[in-house]
Amino acid sequence: MAKWWALLLCALVAVASAKEAAPAADDPVLEARMQRIAVELRCLVCQNQTIADSHAGLADDLRREIREQLLRGATDEQVVQYMTDRYGDFIRYRPPMKGSTAVLWVGPIALLIFGLLVLALVLRRRARLSPDQFEPDDLDSESGEPAKEAR
C-alpha cells in the first residue's frame, strides 16, 4: 500500500513540475523570422547551442524577447543589434570582423599554421638523425613479448 502512495506522490510531483509549451506566434511568418534570428544567436547558458535549440530558461526569455520586438515592427537586423548591444558579440555565432573579435577569426588559422610549422621542424630534425640515435623497441617484433637483453 505504501508503494502505491509513493508512486502517486511521484506522479503528482511530475505533473506539478511540468512546464507549459512555449507559445508559438499566431503568425507563421513571424515565427519563421523569429526562428531565423534565434538560429544566429548563441545561448548564453549552454554556449554550444543556439537559442532556437536550447531549453534553458534564458533561451526561452530571449525567444520571447525576439517575438515581442518583431511584433513591435523591428527588423531582423535591429533585433540582432539589440541582442549584441545587450550581451556583446559573444551572443552571435558569426561575430563581425573587428579589432576585438579578430582573434576569433584569425586564431584558428594561426594555430594551424604554427602546428604545421612545428611538425615540419620536428620531422626535418628526425630525418637528419642516424638510425642508431633512436631508442630500440622494447618488444620483440615477431613474438610481441619483451625483447631479451644482451648481457
N, C-alpha and C. Protein backbone atom coordinates (compact mmCIF):
# COMPACT_ATOMS: atom_id res chain seq x y z
N MET A 1 0.82 -1.20 0.00
CA MET A 1 0.00 0.00 0.00
C MET A 1 0.86 1.26 0.00
N ALA A 2 1.99 1.22 0.74
CA ALA A 2 2.88 2.37 0.80
C ALA A 2 3.51 2.65 -0.56
N LYS A 3 3.74 1.57 -1.33
CA LYS A 3 4.31 1.74 -2.66
C LYS A 3 3.37 2.55 -3.56
N TRP A 4 2.08 2.27 -3.45
CA TRP A 4 1.12 2.98 -4.28
C TRP A 4 1.07 4.46 -3.93
N TRP A 5 1.15 4.76 -2.64
CA TRP A 5 1.14 6.16 -2.23
C TRP A 5 2.40 6.88 -2.73
N ALA A 6 3.54 6.19 -2.65
CA ALA A 6 4.79 6.78 -3.13
C ALA A 6 4.72 7.01 -4.63
N LEU A 7 4.16 6.03 -5.37
CA LEU A 7 4.01 6.16 -6.80
C LEU A 7 3.07 7.32 -7.15
N LEU A 8 1.98 7.44 -6.42
CA LEU A 8 1.04 8.53 -6.64
C LEU A 8 1.69 9.88 -6.35
N LEU A 9 2.47 9.94 -5.28
CA LEU A 9 3.17 11.17 -4.93
C LEU A 9 4.16 11.56 -6.03
N CYS A 10 4.90 10.58 -6.54
CA CYS A 10 5.85 10.86 -7.63
C CYS A 10 5.13 11.36 -8.87
N ALA A 11 3.99 10.78 -9.19
CA ALA A 11 3.22 11.20 -10.36
C ALA A 11 2.72 12.63 -10.18
N LEU A 12 2.26 12.96 -8.99
CA LEU A 12 1.78 14.32 -8.73
C LEU A 12 2.92 15.34 -8.83
N VAL A 13 4.09 14.98 -8.33
CA VAL A 13 5.24 15.88 -8.42
C VAL A 13 5.63 16.10 -9.88
N ALA A 14 5.60 15.04 -10.68
CA ALA A 14 5.95 15.15 -12.09
C ALA A 14 4.96 16.04 -12.83
N VAL A 15 3.68 15.89 -12.52
CA VAL A 15 2.66 16.71 -13.17
C VAL A 15 2.80 18.17 -12.73
N ALA A 16 3.08 18.38 -11.47
CA ALA A 16 3.18 19.75 -10.96
C ALA A 16 4.40 20.47 -11.51
N SER A 17 5.48 19.74 -11.81
CA SER A 17 6.70 20.39 -12.29
C SER A 17 6.75 20.51 -13.81
N ALA A 18 5.77 19.99 -14.51
CA ALA A 18 5.75 20.08 -15.97
C ALA A 18 5.54 21.52 -16.40
N LYS A 19 6.24 21.92 -17.45
CA LYS A 19 6.11 23.28 -17.96
C LYS A 19 5.17 23.29 -19.16
N GLU A 20 4.50 24.40 -19.31
CA GLU A 20 3.63 24.58 -20.46
C GLU A 20 4.50 24.85 -21.67
N ALA A 21 4.10 24.36 -22.81
CA ALA A 21 4.86 24.57 -24.04
C ALA A 21 4.94 26.06 -24.34
N ALA A 22 6.08 26.46 -24.85
CA ALA A 22 6.26 27.87 -25.19
C ALA A 22 5.28 28.24 -26.31
N PRO A 23 4.59 29.35 -26.15
CA PRO A 23 3.60 29.72 -27.17
C PRO A 23 4.27 30.13 -28.46
N ALA A 24 3.80 29.57 -29.54
CA ALA A 24 4.28 29.97 -30.86
C ALA A 24 3.47 31.17 -31.30
N ALA A 25 4.05 31.96 -32.13
CA ALA A 25 3.35 33.14 -32.61
C ALA A 25 2.14 32.71 -33.45
N ASP A 26 1.09 33.51 -33.41
CA ASP A 26 -0.09 33.21 -34.20
C ASP A 26 0.22 33.34 -35.69
N ASP A 27 1.19 34.17 -36.00
CA ASP A 27 1.58 34.42 -37.39
C ASP A 27 2.75 33.51 -37.77
N PRO A 28 2.57 32.56 -38.68
CA PRO A 28 3.66 31.66 -39.06
C PRO A 28 4.85 32.39 -39.69
N VAL A 29 4.60 33.51 -40.37
CA VAL A 29 5.70 34.29 -40.96
C VAL A 29 6.56 34.90 -39.85
N LEU A 30 5.90 35.42 -38.82
CA LEU A 30 6.61 36.00 -37.68
C LEU A 30 7.40 34.91 -36.96
N GLU A 31 6.82 33.75 -36.80
CA GLU A 31 7.51 32.63 -36.13
C GLU A 31 8.73 32.19 -36.94
N ALA A 32 8.60 32.19 -38.26
CA ALA A 32 9.74 31.82 -39.12
C ALA A 32 10.86 32.84 -39.00
N ARG A 33 10.51 34.12 -38.93
CA ARG A 33 11.52 35.17 -38.73
C ARG A 33 12.21 35.01 -37.38
N MET A 34 11.41 34.71 -36.34
CA MET A 34 11.98 34.52 -35.01
C MET A 34 12.96 33.35 -35.03
N GLN A 35 12.61 32.26 -35.68
CA GLN A 35 13.48 31.09 -35.76
C GLN A 35 14.76 31.41 -36.52
N ARG A 36 14.64 32.17 -37.59
CA ARG A 36 15.81 32.54 -38.39
C ARG A 36 16.79 33.37 -37.56
N ILE A 37 16.26 34.26 -36.73
CA ILE A 37 17.12 35.08 -35.86
C ILE A 37 17.69 34.22 -34.74
N ALA A 38 16.85 33.37 -34.15
CA ALA A 38 17.28 32.56 -33.00
C ALA A 38 18.38 31.58 -33.37
N VAL A 39 18.43 31.15 -34.62
CA VAL A 39 19.48 30.23 -35.06
C VAL A 39 20.83 30.95 -35.12
N GLU A 40 20.82 32.25 -35.27
CA GLU A 40 22.06 33.03 -35.38
C GLU A 40 22.61 33.44 -34.01
N LEU A 41 21.85 33.23 -32.94
CA LEU A 41 22.27 33.69 -31.62
C LEU A 41 22.60 32.51 -30.70
N ARG A 42 23.66 32.68 -29.93
CA ARG A 42 24.17 31.64 -29.02
C ARG A 42 23.43 31.72 -27.68
N CYS A 43 23.11 30.56 -27.13
CA CYS A 43 22.54 30.51 -25.78
C CYS A 43 23.66 30.82 -24.80
N LEU A 44 23.45 31.80 -23.96
CA LEU A 44 24.49 32.21 -23.01
C LEU A 44 24.65 31.22 -21.86
N VAL A 45 23.67 30.36 -21.66
CA VAL A 45 23.76 29.35 -20.62
C VAL A 45 24.47 28.11 -21.16
N CYS A 46 24.01 27.62 -22.29
CA CYS A 46 24.57 26.39 -22.88
C CYS A 46 25.88 26.66 -23.61
N GLN A 47 25.98 27.76 -24.30
CA GLN A 47 27.13 28.23 -25.04
C GLN A 47 27.51 27.39 -26.25
N ASN A 48 26.99 26.22 -26.39
CA ASN A 48 27.29 25.44 -27.59
C ASN A 48 26.01 25.16 -28.37
N GLN A 49 24.95 25.85 -28.03
CA GLN A 49 23.68 25.69 -28.73
C GLN A 49 23.14 27.07 -29.10
N THR A 50 22.32 27.09 -30.12
CA THR A 50 21.63 28.34 -30.44
C THR A 50 20.46 28.49 -29.48
N ILE A 51 19.92 29.69 -29.41
CA ILE A 51 18.76 29.85 -28.54
C ILE A 51 17.54 29.16 -29.14
N ALA A 52 17.58 28.86 -30.42
CA ALA A 52 16.50 28.10 -31.05
C ALA A 52 16.51 26.65 -30.57
N ASP A 53 17.68 26.10 -30.31
CA ASP A 53 17.82 24.69 -29.90
C ASP A 53 17.79 24.49 -28.39
N SER A 54 18.10 25.52 -27.63
CA SER A 54 18.28 25.38 -26.18
C SER A 54 16.94 25.33 -25.45
N HIS A 55 16.94 24.59 -24.36
CA HIS A 55 15.76 24.50 -23.49
C HIS A 55 15.96 25.27 -22.20
N ALA A 56 17.03 26.04 -22.11
CA ALA A 56 17.31 26.82 -20.90
C ALA A 56 16.27 27.93 -20.75
N GLY A 57 16.04 28.33 -19.52
CA GLY A 57 15.07 29.40 -19.25
C GLY A 57 15.45 30.70 -19.92
N LEU A 58 16.76 31.02 -19.94
CA LEU A 58 17.20 32.25 -20.58
C LEU A 58 16.91 32.21 -22.08
N ALA A 59 17.09 31.06 -22.70
CA ALA A 59 16.80 30.94 -24.14
C ALA A 59 15.31 31.17 -24.39
N ASP A 60 14.45 30.67 -23.51
CA ASP A 60 13.01 30.94 -23.63
C ASP A 60 12.73 32.44 -23.56
N ASP A 61 13.39 33.10 -22.59
CA ASP A 61 13.21 34.54 -22.45
C ASP A 61 13.70 35.30 -23.67
N LEU A 62 14.83 34.88 -24.23
CA LEU A 62 15.36 35.56 -25.42
C LEU A 62 14.47 35.35 -26.64
N ARG A 63 13.94 34.15 -26.79
CA ARG A 63 12.99 33.91 -27.90
C ARG A 63 11.74 34.78 -27.74
N ARG A 64 11.26 34.88 -26.50
CA ARG A 64 10.08 35.72 -26.24
C ARG A 64 10.40 37.18 -26.54
N GLU A 65 11.61 37.62 -26.17
CA GLU A 65 12.02 39.00 -26.46
C GLU A 65 12.10 39.25 -27.96
N ILE A 66 12.61 38.29 -28.71
CA ILE A 66 12.68 38.42 -30.17
C ILE A 66 11.27 38.56 -30.74
N ARG A 67 10.34 37.71 -30.29
CA ARG A 67 8.96 37.78 -30.77
C ARG A 67 8.36 39.16 -30.49
N GLU A 68 8.56 39.66 -29.27
CA GLU A 68 7.99 40.95 -28.90
C GLU A 68 8.54 42.07 -29.76
N GLN A 69 9.85 42.04 -30.01
CA GLN A 69 10.45 43.09 -30.84
C GLN A 69 9.94 43.00 -32.28
N LEU A 70 9.80 41.79 -32.80
CA LEU A 70 9.28 41.64 -34.16
C LEU A 70 7.83 42.13 -34.24
N LEU A 71 7.05 41.85 -33.20
CA LEU A 71 5.67 42.34 -33.17
C LEU A 71 5.61 43.86 -33.14
N ARG A 72 6.62 44.50 -32.51
CA ARG A 72 6.68 45.96 -32.45
C ARG A 72 7.16 46.56 -33.77
N GLY A 73 7.57 45.70 -34.71
CA GLY A 73 7.96 46.21 -36.02
C GLY A 73 9.46 46.31 -36.25
N ALA A 74 10.27 45.76 -35.37
CA ALA A 74 11.72 45.82 -35.56
C ALA A 74 12.14 44.90 -36.70
N THR A 75 13.19 45.30 -37.40
CA THR A 75 13.73 44.46 -38.46
C THR A 75 14.61 43.38 -37.84
N ASP A 76 14.96 42.37 -38.64
CA ASP A 76 15.83 41.30 -38.15
C ASP A 76 17.16 41.87 -37.68
N GLU A 77 17.71 42.81 -38.45
CA GLU A 77 18.99 43.41 -38.11
C GLU A 77 18.91 44.19 -36.81
N GLN A 78 17.79 44.89 -36.59
CA GLN A 78 17.62 45.65 -35.36
C GLN A 78 17.54 44.73 -34.15
N VAL A 79 16.89 43.58 -34.30
CA VAL A 79 16.79 42.62 -33.20
C VAL A 79 18.17 42.06 -32.86
N VAL A 80 18.92 41.67 -33.89
CA VAL A 80 20.27 41.14 -33.66
C VAL A 80 21.15 42.21 -33.04
N GLN A 81 21.03 43.45 -33.49
CA GLN A 81 21.83 44.54 -32.93
C GLN A 81 21.45 44.79 -31.47
N TYR A 82 20.17 44.71 -31.14
CA TYR A 82 19.73 44.86 -29.76
C TYR A 82 20.36 43.79 -28.86
N MET A 83 20.33 42.55 -29.33
CA MET A 83 20.91 41.45 -28.55
C MET A 83 22.42 41.63 -28.42
N THR A 84 23.07 42.08 -29.48
CA THR A 84 24.52 42.30 -29.43
C THR A 84 24.86 43.45 -28.49
N ASP A 85 24.08 44.52 -28.54
CA ASP A 85 24.32 45.64 -27.63
C ASP A 85 24.14 45.22 -26.18
N ARG A 86 23.18 44.35 -25.95
CA ARG A 86 22.87 43.94 -24.58
C ARG A 86 23.84 42.89 -24.05
N TYR A 87 24.24 41.91 -24.89
CA TYR A 87 25.03 40.77 -24.42
C TYR A 87 26.43 40.71 -25.02
N GLY A 88 26.75 41.58 -25.96
CA GLY A 88 28.07 41.59 -26.57
C GLY A 88 28.12 40.69 -27.79
N ASP A 89 29.27 40.73 -28.48
CA ASP A 89 29.44 39.95 -29.70
C ASP A 89 29.43 38.45 -29.45
N PHE A 90 29.66 38.03 -28.20
CA PHE A 90 29.68 36.60 -27.88
C PHE A 90 28.36 35.91 -28.21
N ILE A 91 27.25 36.66 -28.17
CA ILE A 91 25.95 36.04 -28.41
C ILE A 91 25.77 35.65 -29.88
N ARG A 92 26.56 36.23 -30.75
CA ARG A 92 26.44 35.93 -32.18
C ARG A 92 27.33 34.75 -32.54
N TYR A 93 26.79 33.83 -33.32
CA TYR A 93 27.59 32.69 -33.77
C TYR A 93 28.62 33.13 -34.81
N ARG A 94 28.31 34.15 -35.58
CA ARG A 94 29.25 34.70 -36.55
C ARG A 94 29.51 36.15 -36.18
N PRO A 95 30.42 36.39 -35.24
CA PRO A 95 30.67 37.77 -34.82
C PRO A 95 31.28 38.58 -35.96
N PRO A 96 31.05 39.88 -35.97
CA PRO A 96 31.60 40.71 -37.04
C PRO A 96 33.12 40.81 -36.91
N MET A 97 33.79 41.01 -38.04
CA MET A 97 35.24 41.16 -38.03
C MET A 97 35.58 42.57 -37.58
N LYS A 98 36.17 42.68 -36.42
CA LYS A 98 36.64 43.96 -35.91
C LYS A 98 37.78 43.67 -34.93
N GLY A 99 38.38 44.68 -34.39
CA GLY A 99 39.56 44.51 -33.56
C GLY A 99 39.37 43.56 -32.38
N SER A 100 38.22 43.66 -31.71
CA SER A 100 38.00 42.84 -30.53
C SER A 100 37.67 41.38 -30.86
N THR A 101 37.27 41.12 -32.09
CA THR A 101 36.93 39.74 -32.47
C THR A 101 37.91 39.15 -33.47
N ALA A 102 38.99 39.86 -33.78
CA ALA A 102 39.96 39.39 -34.78
C ALA A 102 40.57 38.05 -34.36
N VAL A 103 40.79 37.87 -33.07
CA VAL A 103 41.38 36.62 -32.59
C VAL A 103 40.46 35.44 -32.91
N LEU A 104 39.17 35.66 -32.84
CA LEU A 104 38.22 34.58 -33.16
C LEU A 104 38.32 34.15 -34.61
N TRP A 105 38.62 35.09 -35.49
CA TRP A 105 38.69 34.79 -36.92
C TRP A 105 40.09 34.30 -37.33
N VAL A 106 41.12 34.94 -36.79
CA VAL A 106 42.50 34.65 -37.21
C VAL A 106 43.12 33.56 -36.35
N GLY A 107 42.70 33.44 -35.10
CA GLY A 107 43.30 32.49 -34.16
C GLY A 107 43.37 31.06 -34.65
N PRO A 108 42.29 30.46 -35.10
CA PRO A 108 42.36 29.06 -35.56
C PRO A 108 43.32 28.86 -36.73
N ILE A 109 43.33 29.81 -37.66
CA ILE A 109 44.24 29.69 -38.81
C ILE A 109 45.69 29.82 -38.34
N ALA A 110 45.96 30.78 -37.44
CA ALA A 110 47.31 30.96 -36.92
C ALA A 110 47.78 29.72 -36.16
N LEU A 111 46.90 29.13 -35.35
CA LEU A 111 47.27 27.91 -34.63
C LEU A 111 47.55 26.75 -35.57
N LEU A 112 46.78 26.63 -36.64
CA LEU A 112 47.01 25.57 -37.62
C LEU A 112 48.37 25.76 -38.30
N ILE A 113 48.66 26.97 -38.72
CA ILE A 113 49.95 27.25 -39.37
C ILE A 113 51.10 26.99 -38.40
N PHE A 114 50.97 27.43 -37.16
CA PHE A 114 52.01 27.20 -36.16
C PHE A 114 52.22 25.70 -35.94
N GLY A 115 51.14 24.94 -35.83
CA GLY A 115 51.25 23.49 -35.63
C GLY A 115 51.92 22.80 -36.80
N LEU A 116 51.58 23.22 -38.02
CA LEU A 116 52.22 22.64 -39.21
C LEU A 116 53.70 22.98 -39.27
N LEU A 117 54.08 24.19 -38.87
CA LEU A 117 55.50 24.56 -38.84
C LEU A 117 56.26 23.73 -37.82
N VAL A 118 55.69 23.55 -36.63
CA VAL A 118 56.35 22.73 -35.61
C VAL A 118 56.48 21.30 -36.10
N LEU A 119 55.45 20.76 -36.71
CA LEU A 119 55.51 19.40 -37.25
C LEU A 119 56.60 19.28 -38.30
N ALA A 120 56.68 20.26 -39.20
CA ALA A 120 57.71 20.23 -40.25
C ALA A 120 59.10 20.29 -39.64
N LEU A 121 59.30 21.12 -38.63
CA LEU A 121 60.61 21.20 -37.98
C LEU A 121 60.99 19.90 -37.29
N VAL A 122 60.05 19.30 -36.59
CA VAL A 122 60.32 18.04 -35.89
C VAL A 122 60.64 16.94 -36.90
N LEU A 123 59.86 16.83 -37.97
CA LEU A 123 60.12 15.80 -38.98
C LEU A 123 61.45 16.03 -39.69
N ARG A 124 61.78 17.27 -39.94
CA ARG A 124 63.06 17.59 -40.59
C ARG A 124 64.23 17.20 -39.69
N ARG A 125 64.12 17.51 -38.40
CA ARG A 125 65.17 17.17 -37.45
C ARG A 125 65.32 15.65 -37.32
N ARG A 126 64.19 14.95 -37.28
CA ARG A 126 64.25 13.48 -37.16
C ARG A 126 64.84 12.84 -38.41
N ALA A 127 64.60 13.43 -39.56
CA ALA A 127 65.14 12.87 -40.80
C ALA A 127 66.67 12.97 -40.84
N ARG A 128 67.24 13.94 -40.17
CA ARG A 128 68.69 14.10 -40.14
C ARG A 128 69.37 13.15 -39.17
N LEU A 129 68.63 12.57 -38.23
CA LEU A 129 69.24 11.67 -37.24
C LEU A 129 69.59 10.33 -37.88
N SER A 130 70.67 9.77 -37.41
CA SER A 130 71.03 8.44 -37.89
C SER A 130 70.22 7.40 -37.13
N PRO A 131 70.02 6.22 -37.71
CA PRO A 131 69.18 5.20 -37.06
C PRO A 131 69.68 4.78 -35.68
N ASP A 132 70.95 4.84 -35.41
CA ASP A 132 71.44 4.41 -34.10
C ASP A 132 71.13 5.42 -33.00
N GLN A 133 70.65 6.59 -33.33
CA GLN A 133 70.29 7.58 -32.32
C GLN A 133 68.87 7.39 -31.78
N PHE A 134 68.11 6.54 -32.42
CA PHE A 134 66.76 6.25 -31.94
C PHE A 134 66.82 5.16 -30.89
N GLU A 135 65.92 5.19 -29.94
CA GLU A 135 65.87 4.15 -28.90
C GLU A 135 65.31 2.88 -29.51
N PRO A 136 65.84 1.72 -29.09
CA PRO A 136 65.31 0.46 -29.63
C PRO A 136 63.92 0.18 -29.07
N ASP A 137 63.18 -0.60 -29.83
CA ASP A 137 61.85 -1.00 -29.38
C ASP A 137 61.98 -1.92 -28.19
N ASP A 138 60.99 -1.85 -27.28
CA ASP A 138 61.00 -2.70 -26.10
C ASP A 138 60.43 -4.07 -26.38
N LEU A 139 59.70 -4.24 -27.47
CA LEU A 139 59.05 -5.52 -27.77
C LEU A 139 59.75 -6.22 -28.92
N ASP A 140 59.80 -7.54 -28.84
CA ASP A 140 60.31 -8.34 -29.94
C ASP A 140 59.28 -8.28 -31.06
N SER A 141 59.70 -7.97 -32.27
CA SER A 141 58.76 -7.74 -33.36
C SER A 141 58.01 -9.00 -33.77
N GLU A 142 58.61 -10.19 -33.59
CA GLU A 142 57.95 -11.42 -34.03
C GLU A 142 56.96 -11.94 -32.99
N SER A 143 57.37 -12.03 -31.74
CA SER A 143 56.52 -12.65 -30.72
C SER A 143 55.65 -11.66 -29.97
N GLY A 144 56.02 -10.38 -30.00
CA GLY A 144 55.25 -9.39 -29.26
C GLY A 144 55.58 -9.40 -27.78
N GLU A 145 56.57 -10.20 -27.38
CA GLU A 145 56.99 -10.27 -25.98
C GLU A 145 58.17 -9.33 -25.77
N PRO A 146 58.47 -9.00 -24.52
CA PRO A 146 59.61 -8.12 -24.27
C PRO A 146 60.88 -8.74 -24.85
N ALA A 147 61.69 -7.86 -25.46
CA ALA A 147 62.94 -8.33 -26.07
C ALA A 147 63.92 -8.76 -25.00
N LYS A 148 64.71 -9.77 -25.30
CA LYS A 148 65.71 -10.27 -24.36
C LYS A 148 66.93 -9.36 -24.47
N GLU A 149 67.38 -8.93 -23.30
CA GLU A 149 68.52 -8.03 -23.28
C GLU A 149 69.80 -8.81 -23.43
N ALA A 150 70.75 -8.25 -24.14
CA ALA A 150 72.06 -8.91 -24.27
C ALA A 150 72.86 -8.60 -23.03
N ARG A 151 73.43 -9.67 -22.41
CA ARG A 151 74.18 -9.48 -21.18
C ARG A 151 75.60 -9.83 -21.37
